[in-house]
PDB file of N, CA and C in Angstrom:
ATOM      1  N   MET A   1     -39.597 -88.833 -35.826  1.00  0.00           N
ATOM      2  CA  MET A   1     -39.791 -87.572 -35.137  1.00  0.00           C
ATOM      3  C   MET A   1     -39.286 -87.709 -33.701  1.00  0.00           C
ATOM      4  N   GLU A   2     -38.564 -86.712 -33.253  1.00  0.00           N
ATOM      5  CA  GLU A   2     -37.996 -86.706 -31.914  1.00  0.00           C
ATOM      6  C   GLU A   2     -39.085 -86.431 -30.875  1.00  0.00           C
ATOM      7  N   ALA A   3     -39.017 -87.107 -29.735  1.00  0.00           N
ATOM      8  CA  ALA A   3     -39.990 -86.874 -28.667  1.00  0.00           C
ATOM      9  C   ALA A   3     -39.806 -85.479 -28.085  1.00  0.00           C
ATOM     10  N   LYS A   4     -40.914 -84.812 -27.840  1.00  0.00           N
ATOM     11  CA  LYS A   4     -40.863 -83.455 -27.309  1.00  0.00           C
ATOM     12  C   LYS A   4     -40.784 -83.495 -25.792  1.00  0.00           C
ATOM     13  N   ARG A   5     -39.938 -82.654 -25.243  1.00  0.00           N
ATOM     14  CA  ARG A   5     -39.876 -82.536 -23.797  1.00  0.00           C
ATOM     15  C   ARG A   5     -41.025 -81.657 -23.339  1.00  0.00           C
ATOM     16  N   LYS A   6     -41.498 -81.879 -22.124  1.00  0.00           N
ATOM     17  CA  LYS A   6     -42.674 -81.164 -21.665  1.00  0.00           C
ATOM     18  C   LYS A   6     -42.407 -79.677 -21.430  1.00  0.00           C
ATOM     19  N   TYR A   7     -41.405 -79.347 -20.660  1.00  0.00           N
ATOM     20  CA  TYR A   7     -41.125 -77.941 -20.347  1.00  0.00           C
ATOM     21  C   TYR A   7     -39.676 -77.630 -20.658  1.00  0.00           C
ATOM     22  N   LYS A   8     -39.394 -77.318 -21.892  1.00  0.00           N
ATOM     23  CA  LYS A   8     -38.026 -77.036 -22.301  1.00  0.00           C
ATOM     24  C   LYS A   8     -37.808 -75.530 -22.352  1.00  0.00           C
ATOM     25  N   ARG A   9     -36.768 -75.080 -21.674  1.00  0.00           N
ATOM     26  CA  ARG A   9     -36.376 -73.675 -21.784  1.00  0.00           C
ATOM     27  C   ARG A   9     -35.585 -73.504 -23.060  1.00  0.00           C
ATOM     28  N   LEU A  10     -35.876 -72.435 -23.771  1.00  0.00           N
ATOM     29  CA  LEU A  10     -35.143 -72.184 -25.001  1.00  0.00           C
ATOM     30  C   LEU A  10     -33.755 -71.639 -24.678  1.00  0.00           C
ATOM     31  N   LYS A  11     -32.761 -72.203 -25.340  1.00  0.00           N
ATOM     32  CA  LYS A  11     -31.393 -71.714 -25.223  1.00  0.00           C
ATOM     33  C   LYS A  11     -31.132 -70.767 -26.388  1.00  0.00           C
ATOM     34  N   TYR A  12     -30.015 -70.079 -26.314  1.00  0.00           N
ATOM     35  CA  TYR A  12     -29.662 -69.171 -27.406  1.00  0.00           C
ATOM     36  C   TYR A  12     -29.553 -69.930 -28.723  1.00  0.00           C
ATOM     37  N   SER A  13     -29.006 -71.137 -28.672  1.00  0.00           N
ATOM     38  CA  SER A  13     -28.881 -71.933 -29.897  1.00  0.00           C
ATOM     39  C   SER A  13     -30.258 -72.282 -30.474  1.00  0.00           C
ATOM     40  N   ASP A  14     -31.253 -72.492 -29.601  1.00  0.00           N
ATOM     41  CA  ASP A  14     -32.618 -72.736 -30.071  1.00  0.00           C
ATOM     42  C   ASP A  14     -33.158 -71.487 -30.770  1.00  0.00           C
ATOM     43  N   ARG A  15     -32.887 -70.340 -30.193  1.00  0.00           N
ATOM     44  CA  ARG A  15     -33.349 -69.075 -30.781  1.00  0.00           C
ATOM     45  C   ARG A  15     -32.687 -68.828 -32.146  1.00  0.00           C
ATOM     46  N   GLU A  16     -31.420 -69.203 -32.257  1.00  0.00           N
ATOM     47  CA  GLU A  16     -30.745 -69.073 -33.551  1.00  0.00           C
ATOM     48  C   GLU A  16     -31.406 -69.968 -34.604  1.00  0.00           C
ATOM     49  N   LYS A  17     -31.774 -71.176 -34.188  1.00  0.00           N
ATOM     50  CA  LYS A  17     -32.439 -72.103 -35.111  1.00  0.00           C
ATOM     51  C   LYS A  17     -33.806 -71.552 -35.519  1.00  0.00           C
ATOM     52  N   ILE A  18     -34.545 -70.980 -34.553  1.00  0.00           N
ATOM     53  CA  ILE A  18     -35.835 -70.364 -34.853  1.00  0.00           C
ATOM     54  C   ILE A  18     -35.645 -69.244 -35.868  1.00  0.00           C
ATOM     55  N   GLU A  19     -34.659 -68.393 -35.627  1.00  0.00           N
ATOM     56  CA  GLU A  19     -34.385 -67.287 -36.551  1.00  0.00           C
ATOM     57  C   GLU A  19     -34.091 -67.807 -37.964  1.00  0.00           C
ATOM     58  N   GLU A  20     -33.238 -68.806 -38.041  1.00  0.00           N
ATOM     59  CA  GLU A  20     -32.857 -69.373 -39.338  1.00  0.00           C
ATOM     60  C   GLU A  20     -34.074 -69.943 -40.075  1.00  0.00           C
ATOM     61  N   LEU A  21     -34.897 -70.691 -39.359  1.00  0.00           N
ATOM     62  CA  LEU A  21     -36.057 -71.316 -39.986  1.00  0.00           C
ATOM     63  C   LEU A  21     -37.120 -70.292 -40.369  1.00  0.00           C
ATOM     64  N   LEU A  22     -37.265 -69.243 -39.569  1.00  0.00           N
ATOM     65  CA  LEU A  22     -38.201 -68.172 -39.934  1.00  0.00           C
ATOM     66  C   LEU A  22     -37.743 -67.480 -41.218  1.00  0.00           C
ATOM     67  N   ARG A  23     -36.434 -67.264 -41.325  1.00  0.00           N
ATOM     68  CA  ARG A  23     -35.884 -66.650 -42.546  1.00  0.00           C
ATOM     69  C   ARG A  23     -36.145 -67.517 -43.773  1.00  0.00           C
ATOM     70  N   ASP A  24     -36.137 -68.836 -43.550  1.00  0.00           N
ATOM     71  CA  ASP A  24     -36.419 -69.781 -44.640  1.00  0.00           C
ATOM     72  C   ASP A  24     -37.921 -69.950 -44.875  1.00  0.00           C
ATOM     73  N   ARG A  25     -38.715 -69.140 -44.169  1.00  0.00           N
ATOM     74  CA  ARG A  25     -40.185 -69.131 -44.296  1.00  0.00           C
ATOM     75  C   ARG A  25     -40.805 -70.487 -43.970  1.00  0.00           C
ATOM     76  N   ARG A  26     -40.257 -71.141 -42.944  1.00  0.00           N
ATOM     77  CA  ARG A  26     -40.828 -72.408 -42.483  1.00  0.00           C
ATOM     78  C   ARG A  26     -42.026 -72.108 -41.579  1.00  0.00           C
ATOM     79  N   GLY A  27     -42.927 -73.044 -41.489  1.00  0.00           N
ATOM     80  CA  GLY A  27     -44.112 -72.896 -40.653  1.00  0.00           C
ATOM     81  C   GLY A  27     -43.792 -73.076 -39.173  1.00  0.00           C
ATOM     82  N   ILE A  28     -44.673 -72.562 -38.335  1.00  0.00           N
ATOM     83  CA  ILE A  28     -44.475 -72.639 -36.889  1.00  0.00           C
ATOM     84  C   ILE A  28     -44.392 -74.090 -36.422  1.00  0.00           C
ATOM     85  N   ALA A  29     -45.264 -74.954 -36.929  1.00  0.00           N
ATOM     86  CA  ALA A  29     -45.245 -76.364 -36.525  1.00  0.00           C
ATOM     87  C   ALA A  29     -43.924 -77.028 -36.921  1.00  0.00           C
ATOM     88  N   GLU A  30     -43.415 -76.705 -38.093  1.00  0.00           N
ATOM     89  CA  GLU A  30     -42.139 -77.271 -38.550  1.00  0.00           C
ATOM     90  C   GLU A  30     -40.983 -76.773 -37.684  1.00  0.00           C
ATOM     91  N   ILE A  31     -41.022 -75.502 -37.322  1.00  0.00           N
ATOM     92  CA  ILE A  31     -39.995 -74.926 -36.453  1.00  0.00           C
ATOM     93  C   ILE A  31     -40.037 -75.598 -35.085  1.00  0.00           C
ATOM     94  N   ALA A  32     -41.239 -75.761 -34.554  1.00  0.00           N
ATOM     95  CA  ALA A  32     -41.396 -76.401 -33.243  1.00  0.00           C
ATOM     96  C   ALA A  32     -40.824 -77.818 -33.259  1.00  0.00           C
ATOM     97  N   ASP A  33     -41.096 -78.568 -34.320  1.00  0.00           N
ATOM     98  CA  ASP A  33     -40.549 -79.926 -34.440  1.00  0.00           C
ATOM     99  C   ASP A  33     -39.030 -79.901 -34.489  1.00  0.00           C
ATOM    100  N   ALA A  34     -38.471 -78.952 -35.229  1.00  0.00           N
ATOM    101  CA  ALA A  34     -37.016 -78.868 -35.368  1.00  0.00           C
ATOM    102  C   ALA A  34     -36.341 -78.517 -34.046  1.00  0.00           C
ATOM    103  N   VAL A  35     -36.986 -77.685 -33.246  1.00  0.00           N
ATOM    104  CA  VAL A  35     -36.410 -77.254 -31.965  1.00  0.00           C
ATOM    105  C   VAL A  35     -36.739 -78.256 -30.856  1.00  0.00           C
ATOM    106  N   GLY A  36     -37.806 -79.040 -31.047  1.00  0.00           N
ATOM    107  CA  GLY A  36     -38.193 -80.044 -30.050  1.00  0.00           C
ATOM    108  C   GLY A  36     -39.115 -79.495 -28.986  1.00  0.00           C
ATOM    109  N   VAL A  37     -39.977 -78.546 -29.378  1.00  0.00           N
ATOM    110  CA  VAL A  37     -40.930 -77.954 -28.437  1.00  0.00           C
ATOM    111  C   VAL A  37     -42.316 -77.949 -29.076  1.00  0.00           C
ATOM    112  N   HIS A  38     -43.309 -77.632 -28.275  1.00  0.00           N
ATOM    113  CA  HIS A  38     -44.672 -77.501 -28.785  1.00  0.00           C
ATOM    114  C   HIS A  38     -44.773 -76.195 -29.560  1.00  0.00           C
ATOM    115  N   ARG A  39     -45.659 -76.154 -30.542  1.00  0.00           N
ATOM    116  CA  ARG A  39     -45.776 -74.940 -31.365  1.00  0.00           C
ATOM    117  C   ARG A  39     -46.174 -73.722 -30.535  1.00  0.00           C
ATOM    118  N   ASP A  40     -46.903 -73.927 -29.427  1.00  0.00           N
ATOM    119  CA  ASP A  40     -47.258 -72.803 -28.561  1.00  0.00           C
ATOM    120  C   ASP A  40     -46.017 -72.119 -27.987  1.00  0.00           C
ATOM    121  N   THR A  41     -44.955 -72.886 -27.776  1.00  0.00           N
ATOM    122  CA  THR A  41     -43.703 -72.316 -27.271  1.00  0.00           C
ATOM    123  C   THR A  41     -43.139 -71.323 -28.280  1.00  0.00           C
ATOM    124  N   ILE A  42     -43.240 -71.635 -29.545  1.00  0.00           N
ATOM    125  CA  ILE A  42     -42.743 -70.739 -30.592  1.00  0.00           C
ATOM    126  C   ILE A  42     -43.602 -69.473 -30.642  1.00  0.00           C
ATOM    127  N   TYR A  43     -44.918 -69.650 -30.589  1.00  0.00           N
ATOM    128  CA  TYR A  43     -45.807 -68.481 -30.571  1.00  0.00           C
ATOM    129  C   TYR A  43     -45.517 -67.593 -29.361  1.00  0.00           C
ATOM    130  N   LYS A  44     -45.318 -68.214 -28.198  1.00  0.00           N
ATOM    131  CA  LYS A  44     -45.025 -67.449 -26.974  1.00  0.00           C
ATOM    132  C   LYS A  44     -43.683 -66.747 -27.077  1.00  0.00           C
ATOM    133  N   GLU A  45     -42.714 -67.392 -27.691  1.00  0.00           N
ATOM    134  CA  GLU A  45     -41.388 -66.790 -27.873  1.00  0.00           C
ATOM    135  C   GLU A  45     -41.491 -65.535 -28.734  1.00  0.00           C
ATOM    136  N   LEU A  46     -42.252 -65.603 -29.803  1.00  0.00           N
ATOM    137  CA  LEU A  46     -42.432 -64.443 -30.666  1.00  0.00           C
ATOM    138  C   LEU A  46     -43.165 -63.323 -29.933  1.00  0.00           C
ATOM    139  N   LYS A  47     -44.208 -63.690 -29.191  1.00  0.00           N
ATOM    140  CA  LYS A  47     -44.986 -62.688 -28.460  1.00  0.00           C
ATOM    141  C   LYS A  47     -44.163 -62.062 -27.336  1.00  0.00           C
ATOM    142  N   ARG A  48     -43.440 -62.896 -26.586  1.00  0.00           N
ATOM    143  CA  ARG A  48     -42.663 -62.417 -25.451  1.00  0.00           C
ATOM    144  C   ARG A  48     -41.562 -61.461 -25.888  1.00  0.00           C
ATOM    145  N   SER A  49     -40.972 -61.741 -27.018  1.00  0.00           N
ATOM    146  CA  SER A  49     -39.864 -60.912 -27.473  1.00  0.00           C
ATOM    147  C   SER A  49     -40.346 -59.620 -28.131  1.00  0.00           C
ATOM    148  N   GLY A  50     -41.648 -59.529 -28.371  1.00  0.00           N
ATOM    149  CA  GLY A  50     -42.192 -58.339 -29.002  1.00  0.00           C
ATOM    150  C   GLY A  50     -41.883 -58.271 -30.482  1.00  0.00           C
ATOM    151  N   LEU A  51     -41.515 -59.400 -31.035  1.00  0.00           N
ATOM    152  CA  LEU A  51     -41.155 -59.470 -32.449  1.00  0.00           C
ATOM    153  C   LEU A  51     -42.139 -60.380 -33.163  1.00  0.00           C
ATOM    154  N   ASP A  52     -42.092 -60.390 -34.462  1.00  0.00           N
ATOM    155  CA  ASP A  52     -42.925 -61.313 -35.226  1.00  0.00           C
ATOM    156  C   ASP A  52     -42.034 -62.133 -36.148  1.00  0.00           C
ATOM    157  N   GLU A  53     -42.655 -62.944 -36.972  1.00  0.00           N
ATOM    158  CA  GLU A  53     -41.866 -63.834 -37.828  1.00  0.00           C
ATOM    159  C   GLU A  53     -41.044 -63.104 -38.872  1.00  0.00           C
ATOM    160  N   PHE A  54     -41.309 -61.806 -39.069  1.00  0.00           N
ATOM    161  CA  PHE A  54     -40.551 -61.021 -40.048  1.00  0.00           C
ATOM    162  C   PHE A  54     -39.397 -60.244 -39.419  1.00  0.00           C
ATOM    163  N   THR A  55     -39.466 -59.995 -38.117  1.00  0.00           N
ATOM    164  CA  THR A  55     -38.450 -59.168 -37.457  1.00  0.00           C
ATOM    165  C   THR A  55     -37.674 -59.908 -36.375  1.00  0.00           C
ATOM    166  N   TYR A  56     -37.976 -61.177 -36.143  1.00  0.00           N
ATOM    167  CA  TYR A  56     -37.349 -61.945 -35.069  1.00  0.00           C
ATOM    168  C   TYR A  56     -35.856 -62.131 -35.318  1.00  0.00           C
ATOM    169  N   THR A  57     -35.060 -61.862 -34.284  1.00  0.00           N
ATOM    170  CA  THR A  57     -33.646 -62.234 -34.289  1.00  0.00           C
ATOM    171  C   THR A  57     -33.330 -62.876 -32.951  1.00  0.00           C
ATOM    172  N   ALA A  58     -32.420 -63.816 -32.955  1.00  0.00           N
ATOM    173  CA  ALA A  58     -32.041 -64.517 -31.721  1.00  0.00           C
ATOM    174  C   ALA A  58     -31.475 -63.528 -30.719  1.00  0.00           C
ATOM    175  N   ALA A  59     -30.656 -62.598 -31.165  1.00  0.00           N
ATOM    176  CA  ALA A  59     -30.020 -61.625 -30.264  1.00  0.00           C
ATOM    177  C   ALA A  59     -31.063 -60.737 -29.594  1.00  0.00           C
ATOM    178  N   ALA A  60     -32.039 -60.245 -30.351  1.00  0.00           N
ATOM    179  CA  ALA A  60     -33.076 -59.388 -29.771  1.00  0.00           C
ATOM    180  C   ALA A  60     -33.951 -60.168 -28.808  1.00  0.00           C
ATOM    181  N   ALA A  61     -34.264 -61.400 -29.139  1.00  0.00           N
ATOM    182  CA  ALA A  61     -35.083 -62.239 -28.260  1.00  0.00           C
ATOM    183  C   ALA A  61     -34.340 -62.541 -26.962  1.00  0.00           C
ATOM    184  N   GLN A  62     -33.044 -62.779 -27.046  1.00  0.00           N
ATOM    185  CA  GLN A  62     -32.242 -63.074 -25.858  1.00  0.00           C
ATOM    186  C   GLN A  62     -32.192 -61.834 -24.961  1.00  0.00           C
ATOM    187  N   LYS A  63     -32.081 -60.655 -25.537  1.00  0.00           N
ATOM    188  CA  LYS A  63     -32.052 -59.418 -24.760  1.00  0.00           C
ATOM    189  C   LYS A  63     -33.362 -59.168 -24.045  1.00  0.00           C
ATOM    190  N   ALA A  64     -34.467 -59.634 -24.620  1.00  0.00           N
ATOM    191  CA  ALA A  64     -35.793 -59.398 -24.056  1.00  0.00           C
ATOM    192  C   ALA A  64     -36.029 -60.189 -22.776  1.00  0.00           C
ATOM    193  N   LEU A  65     -35.151 -61.110 -22.448  1.00  0.00           N
ATOM    194  CA  LEU A  65     -35.311 -61.922 -21.232  1.00  0.00           C
ATOM    195  C   LEU A  65     -35.274 -61.099 -19.984  1.00  0.00           C
TER     196      LEU A  65
END
């Protein structure tokens, strides 16, 4: 397992990976491990973008910044 960085800003490529894994119905903890962040970061990303695991897209999340 890759070491997690403490305060990692999500890049667009990270958001694309989140979108892909959500589409594959992966769990939040698994997504967090794949992106290299804490699972709270994934929850915050979904909340901040105003989307959920069913409607999340990298493009919409990037626009919400």
